[in-house]
N, C-alpha and C. Protein backbone atom coordinates (compact mmCIF):
# COMPACT_ATOMS: atom_id res chain seq x y z
N MET A 1 -8.34 0.84 -52.39
CA MET A 1 -8.93 0.32 -51.09
C MET A 1 -10.09 -0.72 -51.21
N THR A 2 -9.76 -1.77 -50.49
CA THR A 2 -10.83 -2.71 -51.01
C THR A 2 -12.01 -2.54 -49.72
N LYS A 3 -13.05 -3.41 -50.09
CA LYS A 3 -14.30 -3.15 -49.30
C LYS A 3 -14.06 -3.57 -47.80
N ASN A 4 -13.07 -4.35 -47.42
CA ASN A 4 -12.34 -4.78 -46.34
C ASN A 4 -11.71 -3.68 -45.40
N GLU A 5 -10.98 -3.00 -46.17
CA GLU A 5 -10.07 -1.97 -45.73
C GLU A 5 -11.16 -0.75 -45.15
N LEU A 6 -12.06 -0.48 -46.03
CA LEU A 6 -13.18 0.58 -45.73
C LEU A 6 -13.90 0.24 -44.68
N VAL A 7 -14.27 -1.08 -44.42
CA VAL A 7 -14.97 -1.38 -43.14
C VAL A 7 -13.99 -1.29 -41.99
N GLU A 8 -12.80 -1.56 -42.08
CA GLU A 8 -11.60 -1.38 -40.80
C GLU A 8 -11.60 -0.14 -40.34
N ARG A 9 -11.45 0.88 -41.56
CA ARG A 9 -11.35 2.37 -41.31
C ARG A 9 -12.49 3.13 -40.64
N VAL A 10 -13.57 2.44 -41.22
CA VAL A 10 -15.14 3.31 -40.73
C VAL A 10 -15.13 2.76 -39.07
N ALA A 11 -14.80 1.40 -38.81
CA ALA A 11 -14.84 0.86 -37.39
C ALA A 11 -13.97 1.64 -36.62
N LYS A 12 -12.74 1.93 -36.95
CA LYS A 12 -11.88 2.63 -36.12
C LYS A 12 -12.31 3.97 -35.84
N LYS A 13 -12.52 4.72 -37.15
CA LYS A 13 -13.00 6.34 -37.10
C LYS A 13 -14.24 6.59 -36.13
N VAL A 14 -15.11 5.53 -36.18
CA VAL A 14 -16.49 5.88 -35.47
C VAL A 14 -16.46 5.20 -34.25
N GLY A 15 -15.68 4.15 -33.97
CA GLY A 15 -15.63 3.31 -32.78
C GLY A 15 -16.72 2.16 -32.71
N LEU A 16 -16.89 1.72 -33.83
CA LEU A 16 -17.82 0.48 -34.00
C LEU A 16 -17.10 -0.69 -34.05
N THR A 17 -17.97 -1.79 -33.92
CA THR A 17 -17.14 -3.20 -34.12
C THR A 17 -17.06 -3.33 -35.80
N LYS A 18 -15.92 -4.18 -36.14
CA LYS A 18 -15.94 -4.41 -37.70
C LYS A 18 -17.36 -5.08 -38.29
N LYS A 19 -18.12 -5.90 -37.19
CA LYS A 19 -19.45 -6.71 -37.81
C LYS A 19 -20.33 -5.36 -38.13
N THR A 20 -20.64 -4.62 -37.24
CA THR A 20 -21.39 -3.35 -37.19
C THR A 20 -21.37 -2.58 -38.46
N SER A 21 -19.84 -2.22 -38.73
CA SER A 21 -19.33 -1.21 -39.99
C SER A 21 -19.69 -2.01 -40.88
N PHE A 22 -19.40 -3.21 -41.04
CA PHE A 22 -19.80 -3.82 -42.48
C PHE A 22 -21.00 -3.83 -42.57
N GLU A 23 -22.02 -4.18 -41.65
CA GLU A 23 -23.30 -4.36 -41.90
C GLU A 23 -23.87 -2.65 -42.44
N ALA A 24 -23.17 -1.90 -41.70
CA ALA A 24 -23.66 -0.59 -42.12
C ALA A 24 -23.31 -0.42 -43.66
N ILE A 25 -21.93 -0.25 -44.06
CA ILE A 25 -21.75 -0.42 -45.19
C ILE A 25 -22.57 -1.13 -46.44
N ASN A 26 -22.98 -2.15 -46.07
CA ASN A 26 -23.50 -3.15 -47.04
C ASN A 26 -24.79 -2.68 -47.26
N THR A 27 -25.57 -2.03 -46.19
CA THR A 27 -26.94 -1.31 -46.00
C THR A 27 -26.51 -0.17 -47.00
N VAL A 28 -25.79 0.69 -46.80
CA VAL A 28 -25.73 2.05 -47.87
C VAL A 28 -25.57 1.45 -49.31
N PHE A 29 -24.88 0.76 -49.57
CA PHE A 29 -24.34 0.18 -51.08
C PHE A 29 -25.79 -0.54 -51.29
N ALA A 30 -26.45 -1.22 -50.61
CA ALA A 30 -27.75 -1.90 -50.94
C ALA A 30 -28.89 -0.99 -51.31
N GLN A 31 -28.96 0.23 -50.54
CA GLN A 31 -29.64 1.12 -50.73
C GLN A 31 -29.62 1.93 -52.26
N ILE A 32 -28.39 2.20 -52.30
CA ILE A 32 -27.90 2.75 -53.52
C ILE A 32 -28.28 1.86 -54.85
N ARG A 33 -27.80 0.55 -54.72
CA ARG A 33 -28.20 -0.36 -55.94
C ARG A 33 -29.97 -0.43 -56.00
N GLU A 34 -30.64 -0.51 -54.81
CA GLU A 34 -31.91 -0.48 -55.25
C GLU A 34 -32.51 0.75 -55.72
N SER A 35 -32.10 1.72 -55.43
CA SER A 35 -32.59 3.24 -56.24
C SER A 35 -32.19 3.07 -57.68
N LEU A 36 -30.90 2.70 -57.70
CA LEU A 36 -30.53 2.59 -59.25
C LEU A 36 -31.33 1.83 -60.16
N ALA A 37 -31.72 0.74 -59.31
CA ALA A 37 -32.60 -0.48 -60.25
C ALA A 37 -33.75 0.22 -60.52
N LYS A 38 -34.28 1.09 -59.65
CA LYS A 38 -36.02 1.54 -59.69
C LYS A 38 -35.78 3.02 -60.92
N GLY A 39 -34.60 3.30 -61.49
CA GLY A 39 -34.13 4.48 -62.21
C GLY A 39 -34.02 5.85 -61.73
N ASP A 40 -33.84 5.51 -60.29
CA ASP A 40 -33.79 6.98 -59.37
C ASP A 40 -32.31 7.36 -59.32
N LYS A 41 -32.06 8.61 -59.26
CA LYS A 41 -30.74 8.93 -59.13
C LYS A 41 -30.54 9.23 -57.59
N VAL A 42 -29.20 8.92 -57.11
CA VAL A 42 -28.73 9.01 -55.90
C VAL A 42 -27.86 10.19 -55.57
N VAL A 43 -27.96 11.27 -54.98
CA VAL A 43 -27.31 12.48 -54.87
C VAL A 43 -26.46 12.37 -53.26
N ILE A 44 -25.46 12.51 -53.35
CA ILE A 44 -24.63 12.63 -51.97
C ILE A 44 -23.98 13.72 -52.02
N THR A 45 -24.37 14.81 -51.29
CA THR A 45 -23.84 16.10 -51.30
C THR A 45 -22.36 16.00 -50.69
N GLY A 46 -21.44 16.66 -51.46
CA GLY A 46 -19.84 16.62 -51.22
C GLY A 46 -19.25 15.42 -51.81
N PHE A 47 -19.99 14.62 -52.19
CA PHE A 47 -19.42 13.47 -52.54
C PHE A 47 -19.65 13.35 -54.22
N GLY A 48 -20.90 12.85 -54.79
CA GLY A 48 -21.08 12.70 -55.91
C GLY A 48 -22.74 12.13 -56.28
N THR A 49 -22.89 12.09 -57.66
CA THR A 49 -24.22 11.69 -57.96
C THR A 49 -24.03 10.18 -58.87
N PHE A 50 -24.82 9.27 -58.20
CA PHE A 50 -25.14 7.99 -58.82
C PHE A 50 -26.37 8.10 -59.78
N LYS A 51 -26.48 8.05 -61.04
CA LYS A 51 -27.46 7.73 -61.74
C LYS A 51 -27.32 6.54 -62.98
N VAL A 52 -28.57 6.34 -63.44
CA VAL A 52 -28.77 5.57 -64.67
C VAL A 52 -28.56 5.84 -65.75
N ARG A 53 -27.56 5.68 -66.65
CA ARG A 53 -27.57 6.32 -68.02
C ARG A 53 -27.79 5.07 -68.89
N THR A 54 -28.04 5.80 -70.30
CA THR A 54 -28.66 4.84 -71.32
C THR A 54 -27.78 5.07 -72.54
N ARG A 55 -27.08 3.81 -73.11
CA ARG A 55 -26.54 3.79 -74.10
C ARG A 55 -27.19 3.58 -75.34
N ASN A 56 -26.97 4.46 -76.49
CA ASN A 56 -27.75 4.14 -77.70
C ASN A 56 -27.34 2.94 -78.36
N THR A 57 -28.27 2.36 -79.50
CA THR A 57 -27.76 1.40 -80.19
C THR A 57 -26.80 2.09 -81.12
N ARG A 58 -25.79 1.21 -81.48
CA ARG A 58 -24.67 1.72 -82.37
C ARG A 58 -24.05 0.61 -83.06
N VAL A 59 -23.49 0.84 -84.20
CA VAL A 59 -22.88 -0.14 -84.96
C VAL A 59 -21.24 -0.20 -84.56
N GLY A 60 -20.88 -1.49 -84.26
CA GLY A 60 -19.67 -1.64 -84.08
C GLY A 60 -18.83 -2.50 -84.90
N ARG A 61 -17.50 -2.94 -84.62
CA ARG A 61 -16.69 -3.77 -85.53
C ARG A 61 -16.32 -5.00 -84.91
N ASN A 62 -16.55 -6.22 -85.49
CA ASN A 62 -16.15 -7.35 -84.69
C ASN A 62 -14.76 -7.60 -85.12
N PRO A 63 -13.73 -7.51 -83.96
CA PRO A 63 -12.32 -7.26 -84.16
C PRO A 63 -11.67 -8.73 -84.96
N GLN A 64 -12.26 -9.69 -84.67
CA GLN A 64 -11.72 -11.13 -85.50
C GLN A 64 -12.09 -11.22 -87.18
N THR A 65 -13.33 -10.57 -87.47
CA THR A 65 -13.75 -10.76 -88.92
C THR A 65 -13.46 -9.23 -89.46
N GLY A 66 -13.65 -8.29 -88.92
CA GLY A 66 -13.82 -6.99 -89.38
C GLY A 66 -15.23 -6.42 -89.60
N SER A 67 -16.31 -7.47 -89.54
CA SER A 67 -17.48 -7.27 -90.11
C SER A 67 -18.41 -6.49 -89.12
N SER A 68 -19.36 -5.60 -89.68
CA SER A 68 -20.29 -4.67 -88.56
C SER A 68 -21.22 -5.55 -87.89
N ILE A 69 -21.35 -5.02 -86.54
CA ILE A 69 -22.32 -5.63 -85.86
C ILE A 69 -22.92 -4.65 -85.20
N LYS A 70 -24.29 -4.78 -85.11
CA LYS A 70 -25.30 -4.07 -83.98
C LYS A 70 -25.11 -4.20 -82.53
N ILE A 71 -24.76 -3.14 -81.95
CA ILE A 71 -24.72 -3.57 -80.50
C ILE A 71 -26.07 -2.70 -80.13
N PRO A 72 -26.74 -3.39 -79.23
CA PRO A 72 -28.00 -2.93 -78.98
C PRO A 72 -27.82 -1.87 -77.78
N SER A 73 -28.82 -1.10 -77.52
CA SER A 73 -28.81 -0.13 -76.64
C SER A 73 -29.04 -0.89 -75.35
N HIS A 74 -28.39 -0.47 -74.07
CA HIS A 74 -28.75 -0.56 -72.56
C HIS A 74 -28.35 0.34 -71.87
N ARG A 75 -28.60 -0.07 -70.51
CA ARG A 75 -28.64 1.02 -69.28
C ARG A 75 -27.35 0.52 -68.66
N LEU A 76 -26.72 1.46 -67.95
CA LEU A 76 -25.58 1.29 -67.07
C LEU A 76 -25.64 2.20 -65.90
N ALA A 77 -24.93 1.86 -64.84
CA ALA A 77 -24.68 2.73 -63.71
C ALA A 77 -23.68 3.67 -63.97
N GLY A 78 -23.78 5.30 -63.61
CA GLY A 78 -22.75 6.08 -63.94
C GLY A 78 -22.64 7.05 -62.65
N PHE A 79 -21.66 7.56 -62.60
CA PHE A 79 -21.18 8.35 -61.52
C PHE A 79 -20.50 9.47 -61.93
N THR A 80 -21.12 10.71 -61.18
CA THR A 80 -20.46 12.08 -61.73
C THR A 80 -19.95 12.65 -60.19
N ALA A 81 -18.76 12.91 -60.13
CA ALA A 81 -18.17 13.47 -58.89
C ALA A 81 -18.76 15.07 -58.64
N GLY A 82 -18.95 15.27 -57.37
CA GLY A 82 -19.33 16.37 -56.94
C GLY A 82 -18.21 17.48 -56.72
N LYS A 83 -18.74 18.47 -56.72
CA LYS A 83 -17.65 19.73 -56.96
C LYS A 83 -16.68 19.71 -55.59
N THR A 84 -16.96 19.26 -54.52
CA THR A 84 -15.95 19.02 -53.43
C THR A 84 -15.04 18.00 -53.71
N LEU A 85 -15.62 16.96 -54.38
CA LEU A 85 -14.69 15.87 -54.46
C LEU A 85 -13.78 16.29 -55.47
N ARG A 86 -14.03 16.68 -56.75
CA ARG A 86 -13.42 17.11 -57.65
C ARG A 86 -12.09 18.20 -57.15
N ARG A 87 -12.50 19.01 -56.30
CA ARG A 87 -11.41 20.02 -55.83
C ARG A 87 -10.47 19.13 -55.06
N LEU A 88 -10.80 18.25 -54.17
CA LEU A 88 -9.68 17.45 -53.41
C LEU A 88 -8.94 16.44 -54.37
N ILE A 89 -9.39 16.18 -55.71
CA ILE A 89 -8.67 15.29 -56.33
C ILE A 89 -7.45 16.15 -56.95
N LYS A 90 -7.81 17.55 -57.54
CA LYS A 90 -7.05 18.06 -58.50
C LYS A 90 -5.46 18.37 -57.60
């Protein structure tokens, strides 16, 4: 499903215009992005949890030369599915 398809489905389900639905979805995503940028976690009960994870520094291999390279630590967004979502997917 693309973002446009999501907008259309939400608009039909709730009875909003596509423009209003688009703004609402963008606002939700923007708030999740802002919270993750601050380092906060976002818990959506029945769906899942978004949080910032840290990958430690590690040694990797350059596939072209085979030499060892140091991969620096970095932060990335992670998602853990909630219990209800996990049950639906099974």
